[in-house]
C-alpha atoms as a PDB file:
ATOM      1  CA  UNK A   1      46.181  -3.790  24.925  1.00  0.00           C
ATOM      2  CA  UNK A   2      49.183  -6.017  24.256  1.00  0.00           C
ATOM      3  CA  UNK A   3      48.503  -9.747  24.412  1.00  0.00           C
ATOM      4  CA  UNK A   4      50.427 -11.602  27.131  1.00  0.00           C
ATOM      5  CA  UNK A   5      51.812 -14.945  25.953  1.00  0.00           C
ATOM      6  CA  UNK A   6      53.542 -17.953  27.444  1.00  0.00           C
ATOM      7  CA  UNK A   7      55.228 -20.821  25.579  1.00  0.00           C
ATOM      8  CA  UNK A   8      55.468 -24.334  27.009  1.00  0.00           C
ATOM      9  CA  UNK A   9      57.521 -27.013  25.253  1.00  0.00           C
ATOM     10  CA  UNK A  10      58.936 -30.479  25.764  1.00  0.00           C
ATOM     11  CA  UNK A  11      62.652 -31.252  25.879  1.00  0.00           C
ATOM     12  CA  UNK A  12      63.069 -32.528  22.310  1.00  0.00           C
ATOM     13  CA  UNK A  13      65.615 -30.533  20.322  1.00  0.00           C
ATOM     14  CA  UNK A  14      63.127 -29.563  17.620  1.00  0.00           C
ATOM     15  CA  UNK A  15      60.617 -28.345  20.227  1.00  0.00           C
ATOM     16  CA  UNK A  16      63.203 -26.269  22.078  1.00  0.00           C
ATOM     17  CA  UNK A  17      64.407 -24.754  18.798  1.00  0.00           C
ATOM     18  CA  UNK A  18      60.847 -24.025  17.626  1.00  0.00           C
ATOM     19  CA  UNK A  19      59.848 -22.451  20.945  1.00  0.00           C
ATOM     20  CA  UNK A  20      62.930 -20.214  20.899  1.00  0.00           C
ATOM     21  CA  UNK A  21      62.141 -19.146  17.336  1.00  0.00           C
ATOM     22  CA  UNK A  22      58.534 -18.306  18.238  1.00  0.00           C
ATOM     23  CA  UNK A  23      59.557 -16.311  21.290  1.00  0.00           C
ATOM     24  CA  UNK A  24      62.105 -14.243  19.386  1.00  0.00           C
ATOM     25  CA  UNK A  25      59.592 -13.396  16.670  1.00  0.00           C
ATOM     26  CA  UNK A  26      56.783 -12.603  19.108  1.00  0.00           C
ATOM     27  CA  UNK A  27      59.074 -10.336  21.135  1.00  0.00           C
ATOM     28  CA  UNK A  28      60.086  -8.552  17.942  1.00  0.00           C
ATOM     29  CA  UNK A  29      56.394  -8.101  17.147  1.00  0.00           C
ATOM     30  CA  UNK A  30      55.743  -6.469  20.537  1.00  0.00           C
ATOM     31  CA  UNK A  31      54.080  -9.328  22.430  1.00  0.00           C
ATOM     32  CA  UNK A  32      54.621  -9.545  26.196  1.00  0.00           C
ATOM     33  CA  UNK A  33      55.499 -12.737  28.081  1.00  0.00           C
ATOM     34  CA  UNK A  34      53.789 -13.664  31.348  1.00  0.00           C
ATOM     35  CA  UNK A  35      53.928 -17.242  32.656  1.00  0.00           C
ATOM     36  CA  UNK A  36      51.583 -16.678  35.589  1.00  0.00           C
ATOM     37  CA  UNK A  37      48.705 -14.851  33.897  1.00  0.00           C
ATOM     38  CA  UNK A  38      48.944 -15.228  30.110  1.00  0.00           C
ATOM     39  CA  UNK A  39      46.162 -14.373  27.700  1.00  0.00           C
ATOM     40  CA  UNK A  40      47.479 -17.085  25.386  1.00  0.00           C
ATOM     41  CA  UNK A  41      49.429 -20.284  26.041  1.00  0.00           C
ATOM     42  CA  UNK A  42      51.332 -21.839  23.152  1.00  0.00           C
ATOM     43  CA  UNK A  43      52.219 -25.519  23.499  1.00  0.00           C
ATOM     44  CA  UNK A  44      55.110 -26.832  21.399  1.00  0.00           C
ATOM     45  CA  UNK A  45      55.463 -30.601  21.171  1.00  0.00           C
ATOM     46  CA  UNK A  46      52.829 -33.323  21.100  1.00  0.00           C
ATOM     47  CA  UNK A  47      49.515 -33.978  22.788  1.00  0.00           C
ATOM     48  CA  UNK A  48      51.286 -34.864  26.049  1.00  0.00           C
ATOM     49  CA  UNK A  49      52.898 -31.426  26.110  1.00  0.00           C
ATOM     50  CA  UNK A  50      49.553 -29.823  25.359  1.00  0.00           C
ATOM     51  CA  UNK A  51      47.885 -31.693  28.229  1.00  0.00           C
ATOM     52  CA  UNK A  52      50.594 -30.556  30.655  1.00  0.00           C
ATOM     53  CA  UNK A  53      50.083 -26.972  29.436  1.00  0.00           C
ATOM     54  CA  UNK A  54      46.338 -27.307  30.000  1.00  0.00           C
ATOM     55  CA  UNK A  55      46.822 -28.560  33.567  1.00  0.00           C
ATOM     56  CA  UNK A  56      49.128 -25.670  34.364  1.00  0.00           C
ATOM     57  CA  UNK A  57      46.255 -23.251  33.753  1.00  0.00           C
ATOM     58  CA  UNK A  58      43.069 -25.054  34.848  1.00  0.00           C
ATOM     59  CA  UNK A  59      42.474 -22.256  37.362  1.00  0.00           C
ATOM     60  CA  UNK A  60      42.030 -19.651  34.621  1.00  0.00           C
ATOM     61  CA  UNK A  61      40.458 -21.423  31.651  1.00  0.00           C
ATOM     62  CA  UNK A  62      37.829 -18.705  31.209  1.00  0.00           C
ATOM     63  CA  UNK A  63      40.517 -16.026  30.993  1.00  0.00           C
ATOM     64  CA  UNK A  64      42.840 -17.395  28.356  1.00  0.00           C
ATOM     65  CA  UNK A  65      43.208 -19.228  25.055  1.00  0.00           C
ATOM     66  CA  UNK A  66      45.465 -22.008  23.789  1.00  0.00           C
ATOM     67  CA  UNK A  67      47.381 -22.853  20.625  1.00  0.00           C
ATOM     68  CA  UNK A  68      49.136 -26.144  19.868  1.00  0.00           C
ATOM     69  CA  UNK A  69      52.159 -26.630  17.600  1.00  0.00           C
ATOM     70  CA  UNK A  70      53.187 -30.215  16.918  1.00  0.00           C
ATOM     71  CA  UNK A  71      56.824 -31.057  16.332  1.00  0.00           C
ATOM     72  CA  UNK A  72      56.460 -34.765  15.621  1.00  0.00           C
ATOM     73  CA  UNK A  73      53.475 -36.947  14.820  1.00  0.00           C
ATOM     74  CA  UNK A  74      50.141 -35.223  14.268  1.00  0.00           C
ATOM     75  CA  UNK A  75      48.601 -34.006  17.507  1.00  0.00           C
ATOM     76  CA  UNK A  76      44.858 -33.804  18.014  1.00  0.00           C
ATOM     77  CA  UNK A  77      45.255 -30.535  19.929  1.00  0.00           C
ATOM     78  CA  UNK A  78      47.696 -28.907  17.518  1.00  0.00           C
ATOM     79  CA  UNK A  79      46.658 -26.758  14.547  1.00  0.00           C
ATOM     80  CA  UNK A  80      50.159 -25.798  13.493  1.00  0.00           C
ATOM     81  CA  UNK A  81      53.389 -27.481  12.495  1.00  0.00           C
ATOM     82  CA  UNK A  82      56.903 -26.442  13.418  1.00  0.00           C
ATOM     83  CA  UNK A  83      57.573 -25.292   9.832  1.00  0.00           C
ATOM     84  CA  UNK A  84      54.661 -22.820   9.958  1.00  0.00           C
ATOM     85  CA  UNK A  85      56.035 -20.422  12.578  1.00  0.00           C
ATOM     86  CA  UNK A  86      56.114 -17.373  10.295  1.00  0.00           C
ATOM     87  CA  UNK A  87      52.527 -18.003   9.206  1.00  0.00           C
ATOM     88  CA  UNK A  88      51.465 -18.366  12.862  1.00  0.00           C
ATOM     89  CA  UNK A  89      53.155 -15.102  13.872  1.00  0.00           C
ATOM     90  CA  UNK A  90      51.360 -13.214  11.109  1.00  0.00           C
ATOM     91  CA  UNK A  91      48.057 -14.766  12.139  1.00  0.00           C
ATOM     92  CA  UNK A  92      48.617 -13.705  15.762  1.00  0.00           C
ATOM     93  CA  UNK A  93      49.426 -10.134  14.684  1.00  0.00           C
ATOM     94  CA  UNK A  94      46.005  -9.980  13.040  1.00  0.00           C
ATOM     95  CA  UNK A  95      44.122 -12.085  15.583  1.00  0.00           C
ATOM     96  CA  UNK A  96      40.555 -10.851  16.128  1.00  0.00           C
ATOM     97  CA  UNK A  97      39.825 -12.780  19.332  1.00  0.00           C
ATOM     98  CA  UNK A  98      37.661 -15.543  17.848  1.00  0.00           C
ATOM     99  CA  UNK A  99      37.725 -18.910  19.603  1.00  0.00           C
ATOM    100  CA  UNK A 100      36.334 -22.409  19.420  1.00  0.00           C
ATOM    101  CA  UNK A 101      35.705 -24.487  22.510  1.00  0.00           C
ATOM    102  CA  UNK A 102      36.157 -28.102  23.583  1.00  0.00           C
ATOM    103  CA  UNK A 103      34.377 -29.695  26.573  1.00  0.00           C
ATOM    104  CA  UNK A 104      36.347 -30.459  29.725  1.00  0.00           C
ATOM    105  CA  UNK A 105      35.759 -33.269  32.228  1.00  0.00           C
ATOM    106  CA  UNK A 106      35.438 -32.454  35.926  1.00  0.00           C
ATOM    107  CA  UNK A 107      35.590 -34.895  38.840  1.00  0.00           C
ATOM    108  CA  UNK A 108      35.250 -34.800  42.624  1.00  0.00           C
ATOM    109  CA  UNK A 109      36.906 -37.517  44.723  1.00  0.00           C
ATOM    110  CA  UNK A 110      35.854 -38.223  48.296  1.00  0.00           C
ATOM    111  CA  UNK A 111      38.357 -40.363  50.176  1.00  0.00           C
ATOM    112  CA  UNK A 112      37.479 -42.694  53.051  1.00  0.00           C
ATOM    113  CA  UNK A 113      38.703 -40.082  55.548  1.00  0.00           C
ATOM    114  CA  UNK A 114      36.058 -37.724  54.019  1.00  0.00           C
ATOM    115  CA  UNK A 115      38.629 -35.370  52.509  1.00  0.00           C
ATOM    116  CA  UNK A 116      37.832 -34.280  48.962  1.00  0.00           C
ATOM    117  CA  UNK A 117      39.787 -33.392  45.841  1.00  0.00           C
ATOM    118  CA  UNK A 118      38.598 -32.019  42.497  1.00  0.00           C
ATOM    119  CA  UNK A 119      40.342 -32.133  39.142  1.00  0.00           C
ATOM    120  CA  UNK A 120      39.815 -31.428  35.456  1.00  0.00           C
ATOM    121  CA  UNK A 121      40.687 -33.602  32.474  1.00  0.00           C
ATOM    122  CA  UNK A 122      40.855 -32.590  28.838  1.00  0.00           C
ATOM    123  CA  UNK A 123      41.251 -36.144  27.507  1.00  0.00           C
ATOM    124  CA  UNK A 124      40.040 -38.700  30.005  1.00  0.00           C
ATOM    125  CA  UNK A 125      39.997 -39.994  33.559  1.00  0.00           C
ATOM    126  CA  UNK A 126      40.332 -43.614  34.688  1.00  0.00           C
ATOM    127  CA  UNK A 127      39.793 -45.431  37.975  1.00  0.00           C
ATOM    128  CA  UNK A 128      41.272 -48.909  38.366  1.00  0.00           C
ATOM    129  CA  UNK A 129      42.799 -51.285  40.865  1.00  0.00           C
ATOM    130  CA  UNK A 130      46.185 -52.957  40.275  1.00  0.00           C
ATOM    131  CA  UNK A 131      46.074 -55.773  42.830  1.00  0.00           C
ATOM    132  CA  UNK A 132      42.715 -57.335  41.964  1.00  0.00           C
ATOM    133  CA  UNK A 133      39.630 -56.791  39.851  1.00  0.00           C
ATOM    134  CA  UNK A 134      37.759 -53.600  40.645  1.00  0.00           C
ATOM    135  CA  UNK A 135      34.227 -53.769  42.047  1.00  0.00           C
ATOM    136  CA  UNK A 136      32.040 -50.682  42.066  1.00  0.00           C
ATOM    137  CA  UNK A 137      28.431 -49.533  42.052  1.00  0.00           C
ATOM    138  CA  UNK A 138      27.663 -47.151  39.204  1.00  0.00           C
ATOM    139  CA  UNK A 139      24.984 -44.454  39.472  1.00  0.00           C
ATOM    140  CA  UNK A 140      23.737 -42.480  36.464  1.00  0.00           C
ATOM    141  CA  UNK A 141      21.988 -39.178  37.138  1.00  0.00           C
ATOM    142  CA  UNK A 142      21.463 -40.105  40.794  1.00  0.00           C
ATOM    143  CA  UNK A 143      19.989 -43.566  40.171  1.00  0.00           C
ATOM    144  CA  UNK A 144      21.655 -46.956  40.574  1.00  0.00           C
ATOM    145  CA  UNK A 145      22.612 -48.368  37.169  1.00  0.00           C
ATOM    146  CA  UNK A 146      24.898 -51.374  37.574  1.00  0.00           C
ATOM    147  CA  UNK A 147      27.330 -53.274  39.783  1.00  0.00           C
ATOM    148  CA  UNK A 148      30.582 -53.379  37.851  1.00  0.00           C
ATOM    149  CA  UNK A 149      33.426 -55.821  38.126  1.00  0.00           C
ATOM    150  CA  UNK A 150      36.476 -55.691  35.887  1.00  0.00           C
ATOM    151  CA  UNK A 151      39.786 -53.908  35.370  1.00  0.00           C
ATOM    152  CA  UNK A 152      38.402 -50.379  35.679  1.00  0.00           C
ATOM    153  CA  UNK A 153      36.247 -47.589  34.272  1.00  0.00           C
ATOM    154  CA  UNK A 154      37.170 -44.882  31.772  1.00  0.00           C
ATOM    155  CA  UNK A 155      35.541 -41.442  31.430  1.00  0.00           C
ATOM    156  CA  UNK A 156      36.419 -39.412  28.359  1.00  0.00           C
ATOM    157  CA  UNK A 157      35.630 -36.087  26.739  1.00  0.00           C
ATOM    158  CA  UNK A 158      34.759 -35.934  23.026  1.00  0.00           C
ATOM    159  CA  UNK A 159      38.294 -34.810  22.153  1.00  0.00           C
ATOM    160  CA  UNK A 160      39.654 -37.616  24.342  1.00  0.00           C
ATOM    161  CA  UNK A 161      37.503 -40.189  22.567  1.00  0.00           C
ATOM    162  CA  UNK A 162      40.299 -40.740  20.030  1.00  0.00           C
ATOM    163  CA  UNK A 163      42.728 -41.794  22.770  1.00  0.00           C
ATOM    164  CA  UNK A 164      42.407 -44.694  25.253  1.00  0.00           C
ATOM    165  CA  UNK A 165      38.607 -44.768  24.950  1.00  0.00           C
ATOM    166  CA  UNK A 166      38.867 -45.739  21.278  1.00  0.00           C
ATOM    167  CA  UNK A 167      41.314 -48.550  22.037  1.00  0.00           C
ATOM    168  CA  UNK A 168      38.829 -50.204  24.422  1.00  0.00           C
ATOM    169  CA  UNK A 169      35.934 -50.058  21.988  1.00  0.00           C
ATOM    170  CA  UNK A 170      34.537 -46.588  22.578  1.00  0.00           C
ATOM    171  CA  UNK A 171      32.995 -44.304  19.978  1.00  0.00           C
ATOM    172  CA  UNK A 172      34.823 -41.392  18.331  1.00  0.00           C
ATOM    173  CA  UNK A 173      32.829 -38.262  19.207  1.00  0.00           C
ATOM    174  CA  UNK A 174      33.041 -34.813  17.626  1.00  0.00           C
ATOM    175  CA  UNK A 175      34.098 -32.144  20.185  1.00  0.00           C
ATOM    176  CA  UNK A 176      31.053 -30.013  19.342  1.00  0.00           C
ATOM    177  CA  UNK A 177      29.048 -32.570  21.341  1.00  0.00           C
ATOM    178  CA  UNK A 178      28.988 -31.673  25.051  1.00  0.00           C
ATOM    179  CA  UNK A 179      28.885 -35.235  26.336  1.00  0.00           C
ATOM    180  CA  UNK A 180      30.945 -37.615  28.448  1.00  0.00           C
ATOM    181  CA  UNK A 181      31.679 -41.179  27.360  1.00  0.00           C
ATOM    182  CA  UNK A 182      31.870 -43.986  29.930  1.00  0.00           C
ATOM    183  CA  UNK A 183      33.663 -47.201  28.970  1.00  0.00           C
ATOM    184  CA  UNK A 184      34.134 -50.368  30.984  1.00  0.00           C
ATOM    185  CA  UNK A 185      37.643 -51.838  30.937  1.00  0.00           C
ATOM    186  CA  UNK A 186      37.571 -55.641  30.616  1.00  0.00           C
ATOM    187  CA  UNK A 187      34.239 -56.158  32.411  1.00  0.00           C
ATOM    188  CA  UNK A 188      33.418 -59.492  34.015  1.00  0.00           C
ATOM    189  CA  UNK A 189      29.851 -60.731  33.588  1.00  0.00           C
ATOM    190  CA  UNK A 190      28.408 -63.598  35.630  1.00  0.00           C
ATOM    191  CA  UNK A 191      25.341 -64.319  37.793  1.00  0.00           C
ATOM    192  CA  UNK A 192      26.405 -61.761  40.414  1.00  0.00           C
ATOM    193  CA  UNK A 193      27.973 -59.018  38.338  1.00  0.00           C
ATOM    194  CA  UNK A 194      26.086 -57.919  35.239  1.00  0.00           C
ATOM    195  CA  UNK A 195      27.199 -54.747  33.471  1.00  0.00           C
ATOM    196  CA  UNK A 196      26.140 -53.071  30.244  1.00  0.00           C
ATOM    197  CA  UNK A 197      29.459 -53.921  28.526  1.00  0.00           C
ATOM    198  CA  UNK A 198      28.996 -51.103  26.001  1.00  0.00           C
ATOM    199  CA  UNK A 199      29.955 -47.424  25.764  1.00  0.00           C
ATOM    200  CA  UNK A 200      27.569 -45.055  27.550  1.00  0.00           C
ATOM    201  CA  UNK A 201      27.140 -41.463  26.360  1.00  0.00           C
ATOM    202  CA  UNK A 202      26.123 -39.123  29.188  1.00  0.00           C
ATOM    203  CA  UNK A 203      24.823 -35.579  28.497  1.00  0.00           C
ATOM    204  CA  UNK A 204      26.379 -32.550  30.163  1.00  0.00           C
ATOM    205  CA  UNK A 205      23.336 -32.145  32.437  1.00  0.00           C
ATOM    206  CA  UNK A 206      24.028 -35.463  34.188  1.00  0.00           C
ATOM    207  CA  UNK A 207      26.828 -36.907  36.299  1.00  0.00           C
ATOM    208  CA  UNK A 208      28.131 -40.397  36.982  1.00  0.00           C
ATOM    209  CA  UNK A 209      28.843 -41.485  40.559  1.00  0.00           C
ATOM    210  CA  UNK A 210      31.160 -44.398  41.318  1.00  0.00           C
ATOM    211  CA  UNK A 211      31.178 -46.092  44.724  1.00  0.00           C
ATOM    212  CA  UNK A 212      34.021 -48.622  44.716  1.00  0.00           C
ATOM    213  CA  UNK A 213      34.424 -51.578  47.035  1.00  0.00           C
ATOM    214  CA  UNK A 214      36.621 -51.036  50.082  1.00  0.00           C
ATOM    215  CA  UNK A 215      40.330 -50.871  49.308  1.00  0.00           C
ATOM    216  CA  UNK A 216      43.380 -48.658  49.712  1.00  0.00           C
ATOM    217  CA  UNK A 217      45.110 -49.383  46.421  1.00  0.00           C
ATOM    218  CA  UNK A 218      42.988 -47.605  43.813  1.00  0.00           C
ATOM    219  CA  UNK A 219      44.654 -45.693  41.011  1.00  0.00           C
ATOM    220  CA  UNK A 220      42.979 -42.527  39.740  1.00  0.00           C
ATOM    221  CA  UNK A 221      44.370 -41.223  36.440  1.00  0.00           C
ATOM    222  CA  UNK A 222      43.436 -37.999  34.688  1.00  0.00           C
ATOM    223  CA  UNK A 223      45.243 -37.120  31.471  1.00  0.00           C
ATOM    224  CA  UNK A 224      48.963 -37.369  32.232  1.00  0.00           C
ATOM    225  CA  UNK A 225      48.449 -37.249  36.017  1.00  0.00           C
ATOM    226  CA  UNK A 226      48.085 -40.205  38.359  1.00  0.00           C
ATOM    227  CA  UNK A 227      47.122 -40.675  42.011  1.00  0.00           C
ATOM    228  CA  UNK A 228      48.145 -44.047  43.453  1.00  0.00           C
ATOM    229  CA  UNK A 229      47.300 -45.983  46.619  1.00  0.00           C
ATOM    230  CA  UNK A 230      44.002 -44.162  47.012  1.00  0.00           C
ATOM    231  CA  UNK A 231      41.311 -45.126  49.531  1.00  0.00           C
ATOM    232  CA  UNK A 232      38.323 -43.939  47.535  1.00  0.00           C
ATOM    233  CA  UNK A 233      34.867 -43.562  49.065  1.00  0.00           C
ATOM    234  CA  UNK A 234      33.231 -42.193  45.912  1.00  0.00           C
ATOM    235  CA  UNK A 235      33.974 -40.246  42.733  1.00  0.00           C
ATOM    236  CA  UNK A 236      31.604 -38.057  40.731  1.00  0.00           C
ATOM    237  CA  UNK A 237      32.328 -37.358  37.055  1.00  0.00           C
ATOM    238  CA  UNK A 238      30.621 -34.786  34.819  1.00  0.00           C
ATOM    239  CA  UNK A 239      31.174 -32.502  31.863  1.00  0.00           C
ATOM    240  CA  UNK A 240      32.320 -29.231  33.394  1.00  0.00           C
ATOM    241  CA  UNK A 241      30.786 -25.813  32.892  1.00  0.00           C
ATOM    242  CA  UNK A 242      34.364 -24.770  32.137  1.00  0.00           C
ATOM    243  CA  UNK A 243      35.669 -25.210  28.590  1.00  0.00           C
ATOM    244  CA  UNK A 244      39.060 -24.906  26.948  1.00  0.00           C
ATOM    245  CA  UNK A 245      39.235 -22.061  24.437  1.00  0.00           C
ATOM    246  CA  UNK A 246      41.432 -22.370  21.362  1.00  0.00           C
ATOM    247  CA  UNK A 247      42.466 -19.269  19.457  1.00  0.00           C
ATOM    248  CA  UNK A 248      40.749 -19.599  16.090  1.00  0.00           C
ATOM    249  CA  UNK A 249      43.438 -18.709  13.600  1.00  0.00           C
ATOM    250  CA  UNK A 250      42.465 -21.307  10.994  1.00  0.00           C
ATOM    251  CA  UNK A 251      39.619 -23.754  10.528  1.00  0.00           C
ATOM    252  CA  UNK A 252      39.840 -27.030  12.410  1.00  0.00           C
ATOM    253  CA  UNK A 253      38.693 -30.131  10.550  1.00  0.00           C
ATOM    254  CA  UNK A 254      38.202 -32.769  13.243  1.00  0.00           C
ATOM    255  CA  UNK A 255      37.146 -35.606  10.956  1.00  0.00           C
ATOM    256  CA  UNK A 256      40.047 -34.876   8.623  1.00  0.00           C
ATOM    257  CA  UNK A 257      42.362 -35.127  11.609  1.00  0.00           C
ATOM    258  CA  UNK A 258      40.783 -38.443  12.614  1.00  0.00           C
ATOM    259  CA  UNK A 259      41.056 -39.796   9.076  1.00  0.00           C
ATOM    260  CA  UNK A 260      44.702 -38.830   8.780  1.00  0.00           C
ATOM    261  CA  UNK A 261      45.623 -40.201  12.223  1.00  0.00           C
ATOM    262  CA  UNK A 262      43.952 -43.588  11.905  1.00  0.00           C
ATOM    263  CA  UNK A 263      43.516 -44.241   8.184  1.00  0.00           C
ATOM    264  CA  UNK A 264      46.277 -42.140   6.655  1.00  0.00           C
ATOM    265  CA  UNK A 265      44.864 -41.950   3.149  1.00  0.00           C
ATOM    266  CA  UNK A 266      45.056 -38.162   2.824  1.00  0.00           C
ATOM    267  CA  UNK A 267      47.478 -35.460   3.871  1.00  0.00           C
ATOM    268  CA  UNK A 268      46.258 -33.199   6.623  1.00  0.00           C
ATOM    269  CA  UNK A 269      47.037 -29.603   7.443  1.00  0.00           C
END
């Protein structure tokens, strides 16, 4: 059966050119193109482009695979560079269906009018308040843990641990670990509010529940998406049973990618 493919790209000239080149060569090789129900989505650009591609297909993660091609700085979700198109096409012609998986974050929001909304995040999700410090009760695995006060709370996947979570003092976690990392953003500690003020690693069998103080101006971010002016009653975060599947066409070296991105002492392919 012929593999159905879709290519998503950003608007940079090099990405548009690379995407066009890939499409022409895949069509010549007999691949079909189907935006609605692809077997494989190819993202051309950076990590932002890859995240937008992921969110376009969160309703069919179990049915498809992803490939990332970076056309600028090294992307954590990209295995290929724009100058490796011919090599990628040959690999896809001989693809045997093998995959590797990364954990995905899942969250359920209940608003004060008791309506609910669920979403997925591949990198991270954040709840914060722009007008004043955020106050919230934090429950771990169904039990009260702390009363938080500060700028906000961050929830990240292992692959997202190299993004915002790292910049606020979180750990870098290998994506083979099915865990969620919780980080406090600028916590305030005094006689009334005492928080752990350290990263918390939560296993996939547990969830974190946040009950924020009353307010209609909360911001809920997940990856490149944002919901503003939210009246939030509670949010539950967990590692999802869903995963993102990458087409395994070459070995991924996560720590090599981390080293190259943040230390830059070795070349990385």
